[in-house]
């Protein structure tokens, strides 16, 4: 069951009301204090989005209109949509996703250690390696691999999460599994 930070069941705005999912309410990133002091970020730049768009099979002119680049700049083969270093993830099959976190806590510029907690979606299991990331200072980057294995098919998308915490900051990432058979 999906609940908010006060343990209230989330509902969608659709009528009749139904229990909400992450598609309805996102990752609850509305705490302004936490938003201005996140501790870690999934850092993305224009180049990351350009590569992400390579997987959409745009025509040369469309790709150039969006990115200002030629399609020849795309890696071959395309790394696929799951390669984008984005905090929310969606998979429909067994997947190994690599993500990179950047340390941005200027209150503790010497660094910090984060440990991951996993909440598996229904019908899937998630493992994260490594389970602990130690950052040595501002702008330090660390990568982890999240392995998602489908254990049973579902009739609706299911949601889980991974949360990195150093005791002061919680960095939550939603994982959606949509494996229909």
Protein backbone atom coordinates (compact mmCIF):
# COMPACT_ATOMS: atom_id res chain seq x y z
CA UNK A 1 0.00 0.00 0.00
CA UNK A 2 1.35 3.46 -0.87
CA UNK A 3 1.44 5.92 2.02
CA UNK A 4 2.80 9.43 2.40
CA UNK A 5 5.34 10.61 4.99
CA UNK A 6 2.56 10.75 7.61
CA UNK A 7 1.45 7.17 6.76
CA UNK A 8 -1.76 8.34 5.05
CA UNK A 9 -2.86 6.17 2.12
CA UNK A 10 -2.25 8.01 -1.15
CA UNK A 11 -5.13 8.19 -3.59
CA UNK A 12 -5.22 9.26 -7.19
CA UNK A 13 -7.29 12.23 -8.29
CA UNK A 14 -9.30 9.96 -10.61
CA UNK A 15 -12.92 9.32 -9.79
CA UNK A 16 -13.84 6.97 -8.31
CA UNK A 17 -10.85 7.35 -6.00
CA UNK A 18 -8.38 4.52 -6.01
CA UNK A 19 -5.19 3.90 -4.09
CA UNK A 20 -2.49 6.00 -5.71
CA UNK A 21 0.83 4.79 -7.09
CA UNK A 22 4.12 6.50 -7.81
CA UNK A 23 2.66 7.44 -11.19
CA UNK A 24 0.12 9.55 -9.25
CA UNK A 25 2.33 11.17 -6.62
CA UNK A 26 5.98 10.83 -7.63
CA UNK A 27 8.78 10.50 -5.08
CA UNK A 28 7.36 13.03 -2.58
CA UNK A 29 10.17 15.52 -3.19
CA UNK A 30 8.23 18.44 -1.75
CA UNK A 31 10.15 19.11 1.47
CA UNK A 32 11.82 22.45 0.67
CA UNK A 33 14.47 22.07 3.39
CA UNK A 34 15.51 18.70 1.99
CA UNK A 35 15.33 19.97 -1.59
CA UNK A 36 17.88 22.74 -0.96
CA UNK A 37 20.18 20.39 0.99
CA UNK A 38 19.83 17.02 -0.78
CA UNK A 39 23.23 15.56 0.15
CA UNK A 40 23.44 13.61 -3.13
CA UNK A 41 22.23 14.24 -6.66
CA UNK A 42 21.91 12.20 -9.83
CA UNK A 43 23.87 14.68 -11.94
CA UNK A 44 22.87 15.13 -15.58
CA UNK A 45 24.09 17.41 -18.32
CA UNK A 46 23.06 18.22 -21.87
CA UNK A 47 25.37 15.52 -23.24
CA UNK A 48 23.57 12.88 -21.14
CA UNK A 49 20.22 13.87 -22.65
CA UNK A 50 21.71 13.98 -26.17
CA UNK A 51 22.88 10.36 -25.79
CA UNK A 52 19.54 9.39 -24.24
CA UNK A 53 17.73 10.78 -27.29
CA UNK A 54 19.92 8.67 -29.61
CA UNK A 55 17.77 5.67 -28.69
CA UNK A 56 14.56 7.20 -30.04
CA UNK A 57 15.40 6.59 -33.72
CA UNK A 58 14.85 10.21 -34.73
CA UNK A 59 15.59 11.29 -38.27
CA UNK A 60 18.80 13.26 -38.76
CA UNK A 61 16.88 16.54 -39.09
CA UNK A 62 14.69 15.90 -36.03
CA UNK A 63 17.66 14.89 -33.87
CA UNK A 64 19.57 17.98 -35.01
CA UNK A 65 16.57 20.26 -34.32
CA UNK A 66 16.31 18.93 -30.74
CA UNK A 67 19.99 18.63 -29.81
CA UNK A 68 21.89 20.81 -32.25
CA UNK A 69 24.06 17.73 -32.94
CA UNK A 70 24.41 15.32 -35.83
CA UNK A 71 23.25 11.71 -35.42
CA UNK A 72 26.85 10.67 -36.10
CA UNK A 73 27.59 11.86 -32.53
CA UNK A 74 25.45 8.99 -31.19
CA UNK A 75 27.25 5.94 -29.82
CA UNK A 76 26.69 2.72 -31.75
CA UNK A 77 24.93 0.73 -30.49
CA UNK A 78 22.78 3.17 -28.55
CA UNK A 79 23.08 2.61 -24.79
CA UNK A 80 19.27 2.53 -24.52
CA UNK A 81 16.85 4.53 -22.45
CA UNK A 82 17.82 2.87 -19.17
CA UNK A 83 21.34 4.32 -19.37
CA UNK A 84 20.18 7.83 -18.44
CA UNK A 85 21.54 8.75 -14.98
CA UNK A 86 18.06 9.57 -13.71
CA UNK A 87 16.74 8.93 -10.18
CA UNK A 88 13.57 7.08 -11.17
CA UNK A 89 13.81 3.84 -13.09
CA UNK A 90 11.39 1.74 -15.12
CA UNK A 91 12.06 -1.76 -16.44
CA UNK A 92 10.07 -4.49 -18.17
CA UNK A 93 12.72 -7.24 -18.07
CA UNK A 94 15.71 -8.33 -16.01
CA UNK A 95 18.06 -5.35 -15.97
CA UNK A 96 21.38 -4.18 -14.59
CA UNK A 97 21.35 -0.40 -14.31
CA UNK A 98 24.38 1.71 -13.45
CA UNK A 99 23.79 5.05 -11.75
CA UNK A 100 26.20 7.70 -10.49
CA UNK A 101 25.62 9.91 -7.46
CA UNK A 102 27.40 13.20 -6.81
CA UNK A 103 28.06 14.45 -3.26
CA UNK A 104 26.80 18.04 -2.80
CA UNK A 105 26.48 18.51 0.98
CA UNK A 106 28.30 21.77 1.71
CA UNK A 107 27.43 21.42 5.43
CA UNK A 108 29.75 18.40 5.59
CA UNK A 109 32.34 19.22 2.89
CA UNK A 110 34.72 16.47 4.08
CA UNK A 111 32.29 13.80 2.86
CA UNK A 112 29.94 11.21 4.24
CA UNK A 113 29.00 7.53 3.99
CA UNK A 114 25.64 6.46 2.57
CA UNK A 115 23.99 3.06 2.95
CA UNK A 116 21.22 1.79 0.70
CA UNK A 117 17.86 0.38 1.75
CA UNK A 118 15.81 -1.54 -0.83
CA UNK A 119 12.05 -1.96 -1.05
CA UNK A 120 11.30 -4.59 -3.72
CA UNK A 121 8.38 -4.07 -6.10
CA UNK A 122 5.81 -6.88 -6.26
CA UNK A 123 7.04 -9.51 -8.69
CA UNK A 124 10.68 -8.42 -8.67
CA UNK A 125 13.82 -8.39 -6.56
CA UNK A 126 16.40 -5.62 -6.43
CA UNK A 127 20.02 -5.90 -5.36
CA UNK A 128 22.43 -2.97 -5.17
CA UNK A 129 26.22 -3.21 -5.37
CA UNK A 130 27.95 -1.78 -3.50
CA UNK A 131 25.53 -1.29 -0.61
CA UNK A 132 27.65 1.47 0.92
CA UNK A 133 29.10 4.53 -0.82
CA UNK A 134 31.74 6.67 0.89
CA UNK A 135 32.20 10.16 -0.52
CA UNK A 136 35.45 11.99 0.25
CA UNK A 137 34.28 15.54 -0.41
CA UNK A 138 32.21 17.93 -2.50
CA UNK A 139 31.57 16.88 -6.11
CA UNK A 140 32.94 13.37 -5.42
CA UNK A 141 31.14 10.85 -7.66
CA UNK A 142 30.38 7.21 -6.89
CA UNK A 143 28.62 4.65 -9.06
CA UNK A 144 26.50 1.68 -8.13
CA UNK A 145 24.82 -1.13 -10.04
CA UNK A 146 21.21 -2.00 -9.39
CA UNK A 147 20.20 -5.47 -10.55
CA UNK A 148 16.48 -5.95 -11.03
CA UNK A 149 15.20 -9.48 -11.56
CA UNK A 150 11.60 -10.22 -12.52
CA UNK A 151 10.30 -13.02 -10.30
CA UNK A 152 6.67 -13.09 -11.49
CA UNK A 153 4.51 -11.23 -13.96
CA UNK A 154 1.95 -8.73 -12.70
CA UNK A 155 -1.29 -7.43 -14.15
CA UNK A 156 -0.42 -3.83 -13.20
CA UNK A 157 2.87 -1.97 -12.78
CA UNK A 158 4.45 -2.48 -9.37
CA UNK A 159 6.62 -0.02 -7.48
CA UNK A 160 9.59 -0.28 -5.20
CA UNK A 161 12.41 2.02 -4.24
CA UNK A 162 16.00 2.36 -3.19
CA UNK A 163 16.97 4.93 -0.58
CA UNK A 164 20.51 6.11 0.13
CA UNK A 165 20.92 7.52 3.65
CA UNK A 166 23.76 8.96 5.71
CA UNK A 167 21.52 9.49 8.75
CA UNK A 168 20.88 13.14 7.83
CA UNK A 169 19.81 12.84 4.20
CA UNK A 170 17.54 10.32 2.50
CA UNK A 171 17.82 10.14 -1.28
CA UNK A 172 14.84 8.15 -2.59
CA UNK A 173 14.57 6.66 -6.08
CA UNK A 174 11.41 5.03 -7.38
CA UNK A 175 11.65 1.77 -9.34
CA UNK A 176 8.70 0.74 -11.53
CA UNK A 177 8.44 -2.78 -12.90
CA UNK A 178 5.96 -3.48 -15.68
CA UNK A 179 6.25 -7.12 -16.64
CA UNK A 180 2.99 -8.25 -18.19
CA UNK A 181 2.43 -11.71 -19.61
